[in-house]
Amino acid sequence: MIDSALNVSSSVSEDPQEKLTQLLTFLRSRLNVISTSLYLLETSLDPADNAAKKYLIKINQEIDSIRKYINE
């Protein structure tokens, strides 16, 4: 799946910078899907479910950490 997302084929440049750019684009896209899914999950949960909120906060923090890392 990652290979197809990165267009790994004979038609793709072997330029390492280009491959890195493709990888980062792929990762950002996947993080956006995860974030959107997490948001939809949050809006469907019972507001009184504090245990679930704790885990959702942790997941959001980890997503933010990954985003900061790949955007450096």
C-alpha atoms as a PDB file:
ATOM      1  CA  MET A   1       0.000   0.000   0.000  1.00  0.00           C
ATOM      2  CA  ILE A   2       2.744   2.450   0.876  1.00  0.00           C
ATOM      3  CA  ASP A   3       4.617   1.530  -2.286  1.00  0.00           C
ATOM      4  CA  SER A   4       1.599   2.354  -4.411  1.00  0.00           C
ATOM      5  CA  ALA A   5       1.007   5.565  -2.464  1.00  0.00           C
ATOM      6  CA  LEU A   6       4.599   6.573  -3.044  1.00  0.00           C
ATOM      7  CA  ASN A   7       4.354   5.691  -6.719  1.00  0.00           C
ATOM      8  CA  VAL A   8       7.295   3.344  -6.501  1.00  0.00           C
ATOM      9  CA  SER A   9       7.777   2.305 -10.083  1.00  0.00           C
ATOM     10  CA  SER A  10      10.200   2.743 -12.905  1.00  0.00           C
ATOM     11  CA  SER A  11       8.494   6.007 -13.888  1.00  0.00           C
ATOM     12  CA  VAL A  12       9.266   7.681 -10.552  1.00  0.00           C
ATOM     13  CA  SER A  13      12.434   9.621 -10.066  1.00  0.00           C
ATOM     14  CA  GLU A  14      15.029   8.023  -7.820  1.00  0.00           C
ATOM     15  CA  ASP A  15      15.617  11.438  -6.252  1.00  0.00           C
ATOM     16  CA  PRO A  16      15.675  10.890  -2.460  1.00  0.00           C
ATOM     17  CA  GLN A  17      14.183  14.328  -1.835  1.00  0.00           C
ATOM     18  CA  GLU A  18      11.226  13.529  -4.091  1.00  0.00           C
ATOM     19  CA  LYS A  19      10.639  10.220  -2.336  1.00  0.00           C
ATOM     20  CA  LEU A  20      10.770  11.943   1.044  1.00  0.00           C
ATOM     21  CA  THR A  21       8.248  14.519  -0.129  1.00  0.00           C
ATOM     22  CA  GLN A  22       5.942  11.744  -1.330  1.00  0.00           C
ATOM     23  CA  LEU A  23       6.287   9.899   1.967  1.00  0.00           C
ATOM     24  CA  LEU A  24       5.486  13.006   4.004  1.00  0.00           C
ATOM     25  CA  THR A  25       2.461  13.723   1.824  1.00  0.00           C
ATOM     26  CA  PHE A  26       1.272  10.154   2.334  1.00  0.00           C
ATOM     27  CA  LEU A  27       1.748  10.392   6.124  1.00  0.00           C
ATOM     28  CA  ARG A  28      -0.046  13.734   6.349  1.00  0.00           C
ATOM     29  CA  SER A  29      -2.964  12.311   4.418  1.00  0.00           C
ATOM     30  CA  ARG A  30      -3.218   9.286   6.719  1.00  0.00           C
ATOM     31  CA  LEU A  31      -3.021  11.531   9.808  1.00  0.00           C
ATOM     32  CA  ASN A  32      -5.882  13.625   8.436  1.00  0.00           C
ATOM     33  CA  VAL A  33      -8.006  10.492   8.025  1.00  0.00           C
ATOM     34  CA  ILE A  34      -7.200   9.429  11.592  1.00  0.00           C
ATOM     35  CA  SER A  35      -7.958  12.904  12.943  1.00  0.00           C
ATOM     36  CA  THR A  36     -11.280  13.095  11.143  1.00  0.00           C
ATOM     37  CA  SER A  37     -12.279   9.650  12.365  1.00  0.00           C
ATOM     38  CA  LEU A  38     -11.267  10.577  15.892  1.00  0.00           C
ATOM     39  CA  TYR A  39     -13.334  13.762  15.741  1.00  0.00           C
ATOM     40  CA  LEU A  40     -16.388  11.828  14.572  1.00  0.00           C
ATOM     41  CA  LEU A  41     -15.871   9.327  17.365  1.00  0.00           C
ATOM     42  CA  GLU A  42     -15.576  12.133  19.925  1.00  0.00           C
ATOM     43  CA  THR A  43     -18.833  13.723  18.819  1.00  0.00           C
ATOM     44  CA  SER A  44     -20.680  10.420  19.120  1.00  0.00           C
ATOM     45  CA  LEU A  45     -19.499   9.574  22.639  1.00  0.00           C
ATOM     46  CA  ASP A  46     -21.393  10.160  25.853  1.00  0.00           C
ATOM     47  CA  PRO A  47     -20.061  13.433  27.341  1.00  0.00           C
ATOM     48  CA  ALA A  48     -19.940  11.788  30.769  1.00  0.00           C
ATOM     49  CA  ASP A  49     -17.546   9.043  29.589  1.00  0.00           C
ATOM     50  CA  ASN A  50     -14.379  10.393  31.196  1.00  0.00           C
ATOM     51  CA  ALA A  51     -12.334   7.261  30.556  1.00  0.00           C
ATOM     52  CA  ALA A  52     -12.927   7.509  26.815  1.00  0.00           C
ATOM     53  CA  LYS A  53     -12.126  11.244  26.860  1.00  0.00           C
ATOM     54  CA  LYS A  54      -8.789  10.490  28.516  1.00  0.00           C
ATOM     55  CA  TYR A  55      -7.828   8.093  25.722  1.00  0.00           C
ATOM     56  CA  LEU A  56      -9.045  10.440  22.999  1.00  0.00           C
ATOM     57  CA  ILE A  57      -6.950  13.261  24.441  1.00  0.00           C
ATOM     58  CA  LYS A  58      -3.897  10.998  24.437  1.00  0.00           C
ATOM     59  CA  ILE A  59      -4.493   9.973  20.814  1.00  0.00           C
ATOM     60  CA  ASN A  60      -4.873  13.631  19.803  1.00  0.00           C
ATOM     61  CA  GLN A  61      -1.617  14.498  21.580  1.00  0.00           C
ATOM     62  CA  GLU A  62       0.209  11.733  19.741  1.00  0.00           C
ATOM     63  CA  ILE A  63      -1.210  12.843  16.388  1.00  0.00           C
ATOM     64  CA  ASP A  64      -0.041  16.396  17.120  1.00  0.00           C
ATOM     65  CA  SER A  65       3.426  15.118  18.050  1.00  0.00           C
ATOM     66  CA  ILE A  66       3.713  13.196  14.798  1.00  0.00           C
ATOM     67  CA  ARG A  67       2.511  16.207  12.782  1.00  0.00           C
ATOM     68  CA  LYS A  68       5.088  18.465  14.430  1.00  0.00           C
ATOM     69  CA  TYR A  69       7.822  15.936  13.718  1.00  0.00           C
ATOM     70  CA  ILE A  70       7.033  15.484  10.038  1.00  0.00           C
ATOM     71  CA  ASN A  71       6.557  19.222   9.488  1.00  0.00           C
ATOM     72  CA  GLU A  72      10.068  20.065  10.691  1.00  0.00           C
END
